[in-house]
Amino acid sequence: MVPAAVIFDMDGVIVDSEPLHERATRETLAALGYPDGGGIRFRDYVGRSDGELWADFLRRHRLSVSLEELLAMKRRHLLALLASRRPLFGGAVNLVRRLQGRTLLGLASGSERPVIEAVLDLSGLRDCFAVTVSGMEVPRGKPAPDIFLHVANRLKVEPQQCCVIEDSLPGIAAGRAAGMRVVAIANTHPPEELRDADYVVQDYESLARWLGLEDSADR
């Protein structure tokens, strides 16, 4: 049976953007004079919000640039990469469209709102999601449960009736902390690292079957 609500993460689930986030971050750091990363390891922030990464960077280095300026610099790099690469997961786009009308759909992403809007435009999925929330719009980002609880509240669905689709460890932790079932897809981490999820899949066809869709979808 299809869950009452399905809440998708975006980066690493709908769009193959984690490598682009890393490249945009590195380009921003290099422009600031930190080609070695300035003590920031991108892999430590996969699944977390951009605001957390740049706030940590500012705590390490005394710069005249503001958090908002850093976010804007990185955002410009990332949006350009998304527009040129269009790195959508075709299986994810197909799955969201097949779920539309069968369940309530939400999007809970650690990315900034302009990045979410860009991906919705690229994918053509804007009308599929009843609710979209950025990690910058809630008090605490993943692994705290705030973003998933906020989406569920706006969908008017109890957390235990929701299923979260994630690819990152902070995202899995956030979904579990929210009291939701979590299905992890092994796009960013190998399956053995995703064991805290309720279920792990390696492709969108398997995910569709787990969600109760009768016909398999092309990956």
N, C-alpha and C. Protein backbone atom coordinates (compact mmCIF):
# COMPACT_ATOMS: atom_id res chain seq x y z
N MET A 1 0.84 -1.20 0.00
CA MET A 1 0.00 0.00 0.00
C MET A 1 0.88 1.25 0.00
N VAL A 2 0.54 2.21 -0.84
CA VAL A 2 1.30 3.45 -0.92
C VAL A 2 1.10 4.23 0.39
N PRO A 3 2.18 4.76 0.99
CA PRO A 3 2.04 5.52 2.24
C PRO A 3 1.14 6.74 2.06
N ALA A 4 0.62 7.25 3.18
CA ALA A 4 -0.25 8.43 3.13
C ALA A 4 0.50 9.65 2.60
N ALA A 5 1.79 9.73 2.90
CA ALA A 5 2.62 10.83 2.40
C ALA A 5 4.04 10.33 2.17
N VAL A 6 4.64 10.80 1.11
CA VAL A 6 6.04 10.48 0.81
C VAL A 6 6.80 11.80 0.74
N ILE A 7 7.87 11.89 1.54
CA ILE A 7 8.67 13.11 1.59
C ILE A 7 10.04 12.81 1.01
N PHE A 8 10.36 13.48 -0.08
CA PHE A 8 11.63 13.27 -0.77
C PHE A 8 12.67 14.28 -0.32
N ASP A 9 13.88 13.79 -0.09
CA ASP A 9 15.05 14.67 -0.10
C ASP A 9 15.29 15.04 -1.56
N MET A 10 16.12 16.03 -1.81
CA MET A 10 16.34 16.46 -3.20
C MET A 10 17.75 16.11 -3.69
N ASP A 11 18.78 16.69 -3.06
CA ASP A 11 20.15 16.44 -3.51
C ASP A 11 20.54 15.00 -3.24
N GLY A 12 20.94 14.30 -4.30
CA GLY A 12 21.31 12.90 -4.15
C GLY A 12 20.14 11.95 -4.28
N VAL A 13 18.92 12.48 -4.41
CA VAL A 13 17.73 11.63 -4.57
C VAL A 13 17.02 11.96 -5.87
N ILE A 14 16.70 13.23 -6.08
CA ILE A 14 16.04 13.66 -7.32
C ILE A 14 17.05 14.17 -8.33
N VAL A 15 18.10 14.78 -7.84
CA VAL A 15 19.13 15.34 -8.71
C VAL A 15 20.50 14.89 -8.21
N ASP A 16 21.36 14.52 -9.14
CA ASP A 16 22.71 14.03 -8.80
C ASP A 16 23.63 15.24 -8.59
N SER A 17 23.36 15.96 -7.52
CA SER A 17 23.99 17.27 -7.33
C SER A 17 25.07 17.30 -6.26
N GLU A 18 25.25 16.22 -5.51
CA GLU A 18 26.27 16.27 -4.45
C GLU A 18 27.65 16.60 -5.03
N PRO A 19 28.07 16.00 -6.16
CA PRO A 19 29.37 16.40 -6.73
C PRO A 19 29.41 17.86 -7.16
N LEU A 20 28.27 18.39 -7.60
CA LEU A 20 28.22 19.79 -8.01
C LEU A 20 28.27 20.72 -6.81
N HIS A 21 27.61 20.33 -5.72
CA HIS A 21 27.72 21.10 -4.48
C HIS A 21 29.18 21.17 -4.04
N GLU A 22 29.86 20.04 -4.11
CA GLU A 22 31.27 20.02 -3.70
C GLU A 22 32.12 20.91 -4.60
N ARG A 23 31.89 20.82 -5.91
CA ARG A 23 32.67 21.66 -6.82
C ARG A 23 32.40 23.14 -6.59
N ALA A 24 31.12 23.50 -6.42
CA ALA A 24 30.77 24.90 -6.18
C ALA A 24 31.38 25.40 -4.88
N THR A 25 31.40 24.55 -3.87
CA THR A 25 32.00 24.92 -2.58
C THR A 25 33.50 25.13 -2.74
N ARG A 26 34.16 24.21 -3.44
CA ARG A 26 35.61 24.33 -3.64
C ARG A 26 35.95 25.58 -4.46
N GLU A 27 35.15 25.89 -5.46
CA GLU A 27 35.39 27.08 -6.27
C GLU A 27 35.24 28.35 -5.43
N THR A 28 34.26 28.34 -4.54
CA THR A 28 34.05 29.50 -3.67
C THR A 28 35.21 29.65 -2.69
N LEU A 29 35.64 28.54 -2.11
CA LEU A 29 36.77 28.58 -1.17
C LEU A 29 38.05 29.05 -1.87
N ALA A 30 38.27 28.57 -3.09
CA ALA A 30 39.46 28.98 -3.84
C ALA A 30 39.42 30.47 -4.14
N ALA A 31 38.23 31.00 -4.48
CA ALA A 31 38.10 32.43 -4.76
C ALA A 31 38.38 33.27 -3.52
N LEU A 32 38.18 32.68 -2.35
CA LEU A 32 38.44 33.38 -1.09
C LEU A 32 39.89 33.24 -0.64
N GLY A 33 40.67 32.47 -1.41
CA GLY A 33 42.07 32.27 -1.06
C GLY A 33 42.35 31.01 -0.27
N TYR A 34 41.42 30.05 -0.32
CA TYR A 34 41.57 28.80 0.42
C TYR A 34 41.43 27.61 -0.54
N PRO A 35 42.37 27.45 -1.47
CA PRO A 35 42.26 26.33 -2.42
C PRO A 35 42.37 24.97 -1.75
N ASP A 36 42.92 24.93 -0.52
CA ASP A 36 43.02 23.67 0.20
C ASP A 36 41.78 23.37 1.04
N GLY A 37 40.79 24.24 0.97
CA GLY A 37 39.54 24.01 1.69
C GLY A 37 39.41 24.75 3.00
N GLY A 38 40.48 25.33 3.49
CA GLY A 38 40.39 26.10 4.72
C GLY A 38 39.92 25.29 5.92
N GLY A 39 40.26 24.00 5.93
CA GLY A 39 39.87 23.16 7.05
C GLY A 39 38.48 22.57 6.94
N ILE A 40 37.79 22.86 5.83
CA ILE A 40 36.44 22.34 5.62
C ILE A 40 36.52 21.07 4.77
N ARG A 41 35.95 19.98 5.28
CA ARG A 41 35.86 18.73 4.52
C ARG A 41 34.42 18.58 4.05
N PHE A 42 34.22 18.67 2.75
CA PHE A 42 32.86 18.68 2.22
C PHE A 42 32.07 17.45 2.65
N ARG A 43 32.71 16.30 2.69
CA ARG A 43 31.98 15.07 3.01
C ARG A 43 31.34 15.11 4.40
N ASP A 44 31.87 15.97 5.28
CA ASP A 44 31.28 16.09 6.61
C ASP A 44 29.93 16.82 6.58
N TYR A 45 29.61 17.45 5.46
CA TYR A 45 28.39 18.27 5.38
C TYR A 45 27.37 17.71 4.39
N VAL A 46 27.63 16.54 3.82
CA VAL A 46 26.66 15.94 2.91
C VAL A 46 25.37 15.68 3.67
N GLY A 47 24.27 16.18 3.13
CA GLY A 47 22.97 16.01 3.78
C GLY A 47 22.62 17.13 4.74
N ARG A 48 23.56 18.02 5.01
CA ARG A 48 23.31 19.14 5.91
C ARG A 48 23.14 20.42 5.10
N SER A 49 22.76 21.50 5.75
CA SER A 49 22.46 22.73 5.03
C SER A 49 23.73 23.50 4.70
N ASP A 50 23.66 24.30 3.63
CA ASP A 50 24.78 25.16 3.26
C ASP A 50 25.12 26.14 4.39
N GLY A 51 24.09 26.60 5.08
CA GLY A 51 24.32 27.56 6.15
C GLY A 51 25.25 27.02 7.22
N GLU A 52 25.13 25.73 7.54
CA GLU A 52 25.99 25.13 8.56
C GLU A 52 27.45 25.11 8.10
N LEU A 53 27.67 24.73 6.85
CA LEU A 53 29.04 24.67 6.34
C LEU A 53 29.71 26.04 6.40
N TRP A 54 29.01 27.05 5.89
CA TRP A 54 29.64 28.37 5.82
C TRP A 54 29.73 29.03 7.19
N ALA A 55 28.81 28.72 8.08
CA ALA A 55 28.92 29.23 9.46
C ALA A 55 30.15 28.63 10.13
N ASP A 56 30.40 27.34 9.91
CA ASP A 56 31.60 26.71 10.46
C ASP A 56 32.86 27.33 9.87
N PHE A 57 32.82 27.61 8.57
CA PHE A 57 33.98 28.23 7.92
C PHE A 57 34.29 29.59 8.53
N LEU A 58 33.25 30.38 8.76
CA LEU A 58 33.46 31.72 9.33
C LEU A 58 33.97 31.63 10.77
N ARG A 59 33.59 30.59 11.49
CA ARG A 59 34.12 30.43 12.85
C ARG A 59 35.61 30.11 12.84
N ARG A 60 36.07 29.49 11.77
CA ARG A 60 37.48 29.12 11.66
C ARG A 60 38.35 30.28 11.17
N HIS A 61 37.76 31.20 10.40
CA HIS A 61 38.54 32.24 9.74
C HIS A 61 37.90 33.61 9.95
N ARG A 62 38.71 34.57 10.27
CA ARG A 62 38.21 35.93 10.44
C ARG A 62 38.23 36.64 9.09
N LEU A 63 37.05 36.77 8.52
CA LEU A 63 36.92 37.40 7.20
C LEU A 63 35.92 38.53 7.27
N SER A 64 36.05 39.46 6.34
CA SER A 64 35.11 40.58 6.29
C SER A 64 33.83 40.20 5.56
N VAL A 65 33.82 39.05 4.90
CA VAL A 65 32.66 38.61 4.14
C VAL A 65 31.61 38.05 5.09
N SER A 66 30.34 38.25 4.78
CA SER A 66 29.25 37.79 5.64
C SER A 66 28.78 36.39 5.22
N LEU A 67 28.01 35.77 6.09
CA LEU A 67 27.43 34.47 5.77
C LEU A 67 26.56 34.57 4.52
N GLU A 68 25.78 35.62 4.43
CA GLU A 68 24.90 35.80 3.27
C GLU A 68 25.70 35.93 1.98
N GLU A 69 26.84 36.62 2.05
CA GLU A 69 27.68 36.78 0.86
C GLU A 69 28.30 35.45 0.45
N LEU A 70 28.72 34.65 1.43
CA LEU A 70 29.28 33.34 1.12
C LEU A 70 28.23 32.44 0.47
N LEU A 71 27.04 32.45 1.02
CA LEU A 71 25.96 31.65 0.45
C LEU A 71 25.68 32.08 -0.99
N ALA A 72 25.68 33.38 -1.23
CA ALA A 72 25.40 33.88 -2.58
C ALA A 72 26.51 33.49 -3.56
N MET A 73 27.77 33.54 -3.12
CA MET A 73 28.88 33.16 -3.98
C MET A 73 28.77 31.69 -4.40
N LYS A 74 28.55 30.84 -3.41
CA LYS A 74 28.44 29.41 -3.71
C LYS A 74 27.22 29.13 -4.56
N ARG A 75 26.11 29.82 -4.28
CA ARG A 75 24.87 29.62 -5.02
C ARG A 75 25.06 29.93 -6.50
N ARG A 76 25.78 31.00 -6.81
CA ARG A 76 26.00 31.36 -8.22
C ARG A 76 26.73 30.25 -8.95
N HIS A 77 27.78 29.71 -8.32
CA HIS A 77 28.52 28.60 -8.94
C HIS A 77 27.60 27.40 -9.14
N LEU A 78 26.83 27.06 -8.11
CA LEU A 78 26.00 25.86 -8.17
C LEU A 78 24.90 25.98 -9.22
N LEU A 79 24.23 27.12 -9.27
CA LEU A 79 23.15 27.29 -10.24
C LEU A 79 23.66 27.20 -11.67
N ALA A 80 24.86 27.73 -11.90
CA ALA A 80 25.45 27.64 -13.24
C ALA A 80 25.74 26.18 -13.60
N LEU A 81 26.25 25.42 -12.64
CA LEU A 81 26.54 24.01 -12.88
C LEU A 81 25.27 23.21 -13.13
N LEU A 82 24.24 23.47 -12.35
CA LEU A 82 22.97 22.76 -12.54
C LEU A 82 22.38 23.05 -13.92
N ALA A 83 22.45 24.30 -14.34
CA ALA A 83 21.88 24.67 -15.64
C ALA A 83 22.63 24.02 -16.79
N SER A 84 23.95 23.89 -16.65
CA SER A 84 24.74 23.32 -17.74
C SER A 84 24.73 21.80 -17.74
N ARG A 85 24.70 21.19 -16.55
CA ARG A 85 24.79 19.72 -16.46
C ARG A 85 23.42 19.04 -16.47
N ARG A 86 22.41 19.67 -15.89
CA ARG A 86 21.06 19.09 -15.78
C ARG A 86 21.13 17.64 -15.27
N PRO A 87 21.71 17.43 -14.09
CA PRO A 87 22.02 16.07 -13.63
C PRO A 87 20.86 15.37 -12.89
N LEU A 88 19.72 15.29 -13.52
CA LEU A 88 18.55 14.69 -12.89
C LEU A 88 18.66 13.17 -12.89
N PHE A 89 18.13 12.55 -11.84
CA PHE A 89 17.95 11.10 -11.83
C PHE A 89 16.63 10.81 -12.53
N GLY A 90 16.71 10.27 -13.74
CA GLY A 90 15.49 10.03 -14.51
C GLY A 90 14.51 9.12 -13.79
N GLY A 91 15.04 8.12 -13.09
CA GLY A 91 14.16 7.21 -12.35
C GLY A 91 13.40 7.91 -11.25
N ALA A 92 14.04 8.90 -10.62
CA ALA A 92 13.38 9.65 -9.55
C ALA A 92 12.27 10.53 -10.11
N VAL A 93 12.55 11.20 -11.22
CA VAL A 93 11.55 12.06 -11.84
C VAL A 93 10.33 11.23 -12.24
N ASN A 94 10.58 10.07 -12.83
CA ASN A 94 9.49 9.18 -13.23
C ASN A 94 8.69 8.71 -12.02
N LEU A 95 9.39 8.37 -10.94
CA LEU A 95 8.73 7.88 -9.73
C LEU A 95 7.83 8.95 -9.12
N VAL A 96 8.32 10.17 -9.03
CA VAL A 96 7.52 11.26 -8.46
C VAL A 96 6.25 11.46 -9.28
N ARG A 97 6.38 11.43 -10.58
CA ARG A 97 5.21 11.62 -11.44
C ARG A 97 4.20 10.49 -11.26
N ARG A 98 4.68 9.28 -11.08
CA ARG A 98 3.78 8.14 -10.89
C ARG A 98 3.08 8.19 -9.53
N LEU A 99 3.75 8.77 -8.55
CA LEU A 99 3.15 8.88 -7.21
C LEU A 99 2.13 10.00 -7.13
N GLN A 100 2.27 11.00 -8.00
CA GLN A 100 1.35 12.14 -7.96
C GLN A 100 -0.09 11.66 -8.11
N GLY A 101 -0.95 12.10 -7.22
CA GLY A 101 -2.35 11.71 -7.24
C GLY A 101 -2.64 10.46 -6.45
N ARG A 102 -1.60 9.69 -6.11
CA ARG A 102 -1.79 8.47 -5.32
C ARG A 102 -1.47 8.70 -3.85
N THR A 103 -0.71 9.73 -3.56
CA THR A 103 -0.32 10.05 -2.19
C THR A 103 0.06 11.52 -2.13
N LEU A 104 0.17 12.05 -0.92
CA LEU A 104 0.65 13.42 -0.76
C LEU A 104 2.17 13.42 -0.88
N LEU A 105 2.71 14.41 -1.58
CA LEU A 105 4.14 14.47 -1.81
C LEU A 105 4.73 15.75 -1.23
N GLY A 106 5.84 15.59 -0.52
CA GLY A 106 6.57 16.72 0.02
C GLY A 106 8.03 16.65 -0.36
N LEU A 107 8.70 17.79 -0.32
CA LEU A 107 10.13 17.87 -0.62
C LEU A 107 10.80 18.56 0.56
N ALA A 108 11.84 17.93 1.10
CA ALA A 108 12.56 18.47 2.26
C ALA A 108 14.04 18.46 1.95
N SER A 109 14.58 19.62 1.61
CA SER A 109 15.96 19.71 1.13
C SER A 109 16.80 20.65 1.98
N GLY A 110 18.06 20.27 2.19
CA GLY A 110 18.98 21.14 2.89
C GLY A 110 19.45 22.31 2.04
N SER A 111 19.16 22.28 0.75
CA SER A 111 19.57 23.36 -0.15
C SER A 111 18.77 24.63 0.10
N GLU A 112 19.32 25.73 -0.38
CA GLU A 112 18.62 27.01 -0.28
C GLU A 112 17.41 27.01 -1.22
N ARG A 113 16.47 27.91 -0.93
CA ARG A 113 15.26 28.01 -1.73
C ARG A 113 15.53 28.24 -3.22
N PRO A 114 16.45 29.14 -3.62
CA PRO A 114 16.68 29.32 -5.06
C PRO A 114 17.17 28.05 -5.76
N VAL A 115 17.92 27.22 -5.05
CA VAL A 115 18.40 25.97 -5.63
C VAL A 115 17.24 24.99 -5.79
N ILE A 116 16.39 24.92 -4.79
CA ILE A 116 15.20 24.07 -4.90
C ILE A 116 14.35 24.49 -6.10
N GLU A 117 14.14 25.79 -6.23
CA GLU A 117 13.32 26.28 -7.35
C GLU A 117 13.96 25.94 -8.69
N ALA A 118 15.28 26.03 -8.77
CA ALA A 118 15.97 25.70 -10.02
C ALA A 118 15.79 24.23 -10.38
N VAL A 119 15.89 23.35 -9.38
CA VAL A 119 15.73 21.91 -9.64
C VAL A 119 14.28 21.59 -10.01
N LEU A 120 13.33 22.24 -9.36
CA LEU A 120 11.92 22.03 -9.72
C LEU A 120 11.67 22.44 -11.17
N ASP A 121 12.30 23.53 -11.60
CA ASP A 121 12.15 23.96 -12.99
C ASP A 121 12.81 22.97 -13.95
N LEU A 122 14.02 22.51 -13.61
CA LEU A 122 14.73 21.57 -14.47
C LEU A 122 13.97 20.26 -14.62
N SER A 123 13.39 19.80 -13.53
CA SER A 123 12.74 18.48 -13.52
C SER A 123 11.30 18.51 -14.00
N GLY A 124 10.68 19.68 -13.96
CA GLY A 124 9.27 19.77 -14.30
C GLY A 124 8.36 19.19 -13.24
N LEU A 125 8.86 19.10 -12.00
CA LEU A 125 8.11 18.46 -10.92
C LEU A 125 7.41 19.45 -9.99
N ARG A 126 7.43 20.72 -10.33
CA ARG A 126 6.90 21.73 -9.41
C ARG A 126 5.47 21.41 -8.97
N ASP A 127 4.63 21.00 -9.90
CA ASP A 127 3.22 20.77 -9.59
C ASP A 127 2.98 19.45 -8.86
N CYS A 128 4.01 18.63 -8.75
CA CYS A 128 3.84 17.33 -8.09
C CYS A 128 3.87 17.44 -6.57
N PHE A 129 4.61 18.41 -6.06
CA PHE A 129 4.81 18.51 -4.61
C PHE A 129 3.83 19.50 -4.00
N ALA A 130 3.09 19.02 -3.01
CA ALA A 130 2.16 19.89 -2.30
C ALA A 130 2.90 20.86 -1.39
N VAL A 131 4.06 20.43 -0.89
CA VAL A 131 4.85 21.23 0.05
C VAL A 131 6.32 21.07 -0.29
N THR A 132 7.06 22.17 -0.32
CA THR A 132 8.52 22.11 -0.44
C THR A 132 9.12 23.00 0.65
N VAL A 133 10.14 22.49 1.34
CA VAL A 133 10.75 23.23 2.45
C VAL A 133 12.27 23.14 2.33
N SER A 134 12.92 24.27 2.56
CA SER A 134 14.38 24.34 2.59
C SER A 134 14.87 24.22 4.03
N GLY A 135 16.04 23.62 4.19
CA GLY A 135 16.63 23.53 5.52
C GLY A 135 16.95 24.89 6.12
N MET A 136 17.01 25.91 5.27
CA MET A 136 17.25 27.27 5.75
C MET A 136 15.98 27.90 6.32
N GLU A 137 14.84 27.20 6.17
CA GLU A 137 13.55 27.74 6.60
C GLU A 137 13.05 27.13 7.90
N VAL A 138 13.86 26.29 8.53
CA VAL A 138 13.49 25.68 9.81
C VAL A 138 14.60 25.96 10.82
N PRO A 139 14.29 25.88 12.12
CA PRO A 139 15.30 26.24 13.13
C PRO A 139 16.57 25.41 13.07
N ARG A 140 16.42 24.10 12.86
CA ARG A 140 17.59 23.21 12.85
C ARG A 140 17.56 22.34 11.60
N GLY A 141 18.73 22.20 10.98
CA GLY A 141 18.83 21.35 9.80
C GLY A 141 19.01 19.89 10.18
N LYS A 142 19.00 19.03 9.17
CA LYS A 142 19.28 17.61 9.39
C LYS A 142 20.67 17.48 10.04
N PRO A 143 20.85 16.60 11.01
CA PRO A 143 20.05 15.44 11.39
C PRO A 143 18.90 15.70 12.37
N ALA A 144 18.65 16.95 12.74
CA ALA A 144 17.46 17.25 13.55
C ALA A 144 16.21 16.97 12.71
N PRO A 145 15.10 16.64 13.33
CA PRO A 145 13.90 16.25 12.58
C PRO A 145 13.05 17.41 12.09
N ASP A 146 13.46 18.65 12.37
CA ASP A 146 12.60 19.81 12.15
C ASP A 146 12.00 19.87 10.75
N ILE A 147 12.82 19.66 9.73
CA ILE A 147 12.34 19.86 8.36
C ILE A 147 11.27 18.84 8.00
N PHE A 148 11.44 17.59 8.42
CA PHE A 148 10.45 16.56 8.10
C PHE A 148 9.16 16.78 8.89
N LEU A 149 9.29 17.18 10.14
CA LEU A 149 8.09 17.45 10.94
C LEU A 149 7.33 18.65 10.38
N HIS A 150 8.07 19.64 9.89
CA HIS A 150 7.43 20.82 9.30
C HIS A 150 6.66 20.45 8.03
N VAL A 151 7.27 19.61 7.20
CA VAL A 151 6.58 19.17 5.98
C VAL A 151 5.32 18.39 6.33
N ALA A 152 5.44 17.45 7.28
CA ALA A 152 4.28 16.65 7.68
C ALA A 152 3.16 17.53 8.22
N ASN A 153 3.53 18.52 9.02
CA ASN A 153 2.53 19.43 9.58
C ASN A 153 1.80 20.19 8.47
N ARG A 154 2.54 20.65 7.48
CA ARG A 154 1.91 21.39 6.39
C ARG A 154 1.08 20.47 5.49
N LEU A 155 1.47 19.20 5.41
CA LEU A 155 0.67 18.24 4.65
C LEU A 155 -0.54 17.76 5.44
N LYS A 156 -0.54 18.08 6.76
CA LYS A 156 -1.62 17.64 7.67
C LYS A 156 -1.67 16.11 7.76
N VAL A 157 -0.49 15.52 7.90
CA VAL A 157 -0.36 14.07 8.03
C VAL A 157 0.50 13.79 9.27
N GLU A 158 0.11 12.79 10.05
CA GLU A 158 0.89 12.41 11.22
C GLU A 158 2.25 11.85 10.78
N PRO A 159 3.31 12.13 11.54
CA PRO A 159 4.65 11.66 11.14
C PRO A 159 4.72 10.16 10.87
N GLN A 160 4.04 9.37 11.69
CA GLN A 160 4.13 7.91 11.52
C GLN A 160 3.46 7.42 10.24
N GLN A 161 2.71 8.30 9.58
CA GLN A 161 2.07 7.95 8.31
C GLN A 161 2.93 8.36 7.11
N CYS A 162 4.09 8.95 7.39
CA CYS A 162 4.96 9.45 6.32
C CYS A 162 6.11 8.50 6.05
N CYS A 163 6.54 8.48 4.81
CA CYS A 163 7.74 7.76 4.41
C CYS A 163 8.73 8.76 3.83
N VAL A 164 9.96 8.71 4.30
CA VAL A 164 11.02 9.61 3.85
C VAL A 164 11.93 8.86 2.88
N ILE A 165 12.30 9.52 1.78
CA ILE A 165 13.26 8.97 0.82
C ILE A 165 14.54 9.79 0.94
N GLU A 166 15.62 9.14 1.35
CA GLU A 166 16.87 9.84 1.64
C GLU A 166 18.07 9.12 1.02
N ASP A 167 19.18 9.84 0.96
CA ASP A 167 20.43 9.24 0.49
C ASP A 167 21.58 9.48 1.46
N SER A 168 21.39 10.37 2.45
CA SER A 168 22.49 10.76 3.32
C SER A 168 22.28 10.29 4.75
N LEU A 169 23.38 10.20 5.49
CA LEU A 169 23.30 9.77 6.88
C LEU A 169 22.57 10.77 7.76
N PRO A 170 22.84 12.09 7.64
CA PRO A 170 22.05 13.05 8.43
C PRO A 170 20.56 13.00 8.07
N GLY A 171 20.26 12.77 6.81
CA GLY A 171 18.86 12.69 6.39
C GLY A 171 18.15 11.49 6.98
N ILE A 172 18.84 10.35 7.00
CA ILE A 172 18.27 9.15 7.62
C ILE A 172 18.01 9.40 9.10
N ALA A 173 18.99 9.99 9.78
CA ALA A 173 18.84 10.28 11.21
C ALA A 173 17.67 11.23 11.46
N ALA A 174 17.51 12.22 10.59
CA ALA A 174 16.42 13.18 10.74
C ALA A 174 15.06 12.52 10.57
N GLY A 175 14.95 11.66 9.56
CA GLY A 175 13.69 10.97 9.34
C GLY A 175 13.32 10.05 10.48
N ARG A 176 14.32 9.33 11.00
CA ARG A 176 14.07 8.44 12.13
C ARG A 176 13.68 9.24 13.37
N ALA A 177 14.37 10.37 13.60
CA ALA A 177 14.06 11.21 14.75
C ALA A 177 12.65 11.80 14.66
N ALA A 178 12.17 11.97 13.43
CA ALA A 178 10.82 12.49 13.23
C ALA A 178 9.74 11.42 13.42
N GLY A 179 10.15 10.17 13.61
CA GLY A 179 9.20 9.09 13.79
C GLY A 179 8.62 8.57 12.49
N MET A 180 9.34 8.78 11.39
CA MET A 180 8.88 8.36 10.08
C MET A 180 9.64 7.13 9.60
N ARG A 181 9.03 6.38 8.69
CA ARG A 181 9.77 5.31 8.03
C ARG A 181 10.74 5.94 7.04
N VAL A 182 11.92 5.36 6.94
CA VAL A 182 12.96 5.92 6.08
C VAL A 182 13.44 4.85 5.10
N VAL A 183 13.37 5.18 3.82
CA VAL A 183 13.96 4.33 2.79
C VAL A 183 15.16 5.08 2.23
N ALA A 184 16.31 4.43 2.23
CA ALA A 184 17.53 5.05 1.72
C ALA A 184 17.87 4.46 0.36
N ILE A 185 18.25 5.32 -0.57
CA ILE A 185 18.72 4.86 -1.87
C ILE A 185 20.22 5.08 -1.95
N ALA A 186 20.93 4.07 -2.42
CA ALA A 186 22.40 4.07 -2.38
C ALA A 186 22.98 4.84 -3.56
N ASN A 187 22.66 6.13 -3.63
CA ASN A 187 23.23 6.99 -4.66
C ASN A 187 24.51 7.67 -4.20
N THR A 188 24.59 7.97 -2.91
CA THR A 188 25.70 8.74 -2.36
C THR A 188 26.61 7.89 -1.48
N HIS A 189 26.02 6.96 -0.75
CA HIS A 189 26.77 6.06 0.13
C HIS A 189 26.51 4.62 -0.28
N PRO A 190 27.46 3.71 -0.03
CA PRO A 190 27.21 2.29 -0.30
C PRO A 190 26.13 1.76 0.65
N PRO A 191 25.43 0.71 0.25
CA PRO A 191 24.32 0.20 1.06
C PRO A 191 24.69 -0.10 2.51
N GLU A 192 25.89 -0.62 2.74
CA GLU A 192 26.25 -1.00 4.11
C GLU A 192 26.36 0.20 5.05
N GLU A 193 26.53 1.39 4.50
CA GLU A 193 26.60 2.59 5.35
C GLU A 193 25.22 3.16 5.65
N LEU A 194 24.19 2.60 5.04
CA LEU A 194 22.83 3.13 5.18
C LEU A 194 21.97 2.26 6.09
N ARG A 195 22.60 1.44 6.91
CA ARG A 195 21.88 0.43 7.68
C ARG A 195 20.92 1.01 8.71
N ASP A 196 21.04 2.29 9.05
CA ASP A 196 20.10 2.87 10.02
C ASP A 196 18.74 3.17 9.40
N ALA A 197 18.64 3.09 8.08
CA ALA A 197 17.34 3.26 7.42
C ALA A 197 16.49 2.02 7.65
N ASP A 198 15.18 2.16 7.51
CA ASP A 198 14.29 1.01 7.64
C ASP A 198 14.45 0.05 6.47
N TYR A 199 14.80 0.60 5.32
CA TYR A 199 14.96 -0.22 4.12
C TYR A 199 15.94 0.49 3.20
N VAL A 200 16.75 -0.29 2.49
CA VAL A 200 17.75 0.26 1.58
C VAL A 200 17.52 -0.30 0.18
N VAL A 201 17.52 0.58 -0.81
CA VAL A 201 17.38 0.16 -2.20
C VAL A 201 18.56 0.69 -3.00
N GLN A 202 18.80 0.06 -4.14
CA GLN A 202 19.90 0.50 -5.00
C GLN A 202 19.42 1.09 -6.32
N ASP A 203 18.12 1.07 -6.56
CA ASP A 203 17.60 1.65 -7.80
C ASP A 203 16.15 2.07 -7.58
N TYR A 204 15.63 2.85 -8.51
CA TYR A 204 14.29 3.42 -8.36
C TYR A 204 13.19 2.40 -8.65
N GLU A 205 13.49 1.38 -9.41
CA GLU A 205 12.51 0.32 -9.63
C GLU A 205 12.20 -0.39 -8.32
N SER A 206 13.26 -0.69 -7.55
CA SER A 206 13.06 -1.33 -6.25
C SER A 206 12.32 -0.40 -5.30
N LEU A 207 12.63 0.88 -5.36
CA LEU A 207 11.95 1.86 -4.51
C LEU A 207 10.47 1.93 -4.86
N ALA A 208 10.15 1.92 -6.15
CA ALA A 208 8.74 1.96 -6.57
C ALA A 208 7.98 0.75 -6.02
N ARG A 209 8.60 -0.42 -6.09
CA ARG A 209 7.94 -1.62 -5.57
C ARG A 209 7.73 -1.51 -4.07
N TRP A 210 8.73 -1.01 -3.35
CA TRP A 210 8.61 -0.88 -1.89
C TRP A 210 7.48 0.08 -1.53
N LEU A 211 7.29 1.10 -2.35
CA LEU A 211 6.24 2.09 -2.08
C LEU A 211 4.85 1.60 -2.48
N GLY A 212 4.78 0.43 -3.07
CA GLY A 212 3.48 -0.16 -3.37
C GLY A 212 2.96 0.13 -4.76
N LEU A 213 3.84 0.60 -5.65
CA LEU A 213 3.42 0.81 -7.03
C LEU A 213 3.49 -0.53 -7.76
N GLU A 214 2.45 -0.87 -8.46
CA GLU A 214 2.36 -2.20 -9.06
C GLU A 214 3.28 -2.38 -10.24
N ASP A 215 3.34 -1.38 -11.12
CA ASP A 215 4.15 -1.51 -12.33
C ASP A 215 5.53 -0.97 -12.07
N SER A 216 6.56 -1.69 -12.48
CA SER A 216 7.93 -1.24 -12.29
C SER A 216 8.21 -0.07 -13.22
N ALA A 217 9.11 0.81 -12.77
CA ALA A 217 9.48 1.98 -13.57
C ALA A 217 10.90 1.82 -14.06
N ASP A 218 11.18 2.37 -15.20
CA ASP A 218 12.55 2.35 -15.70
C ASP A 218 13.40 3.21 -14.81
N ARG A 219 14.60 2.75 -14.55
CA ARG A 219 15.49 3.53 -13.70
C ARG A 219 15.94 4.77 -14.43
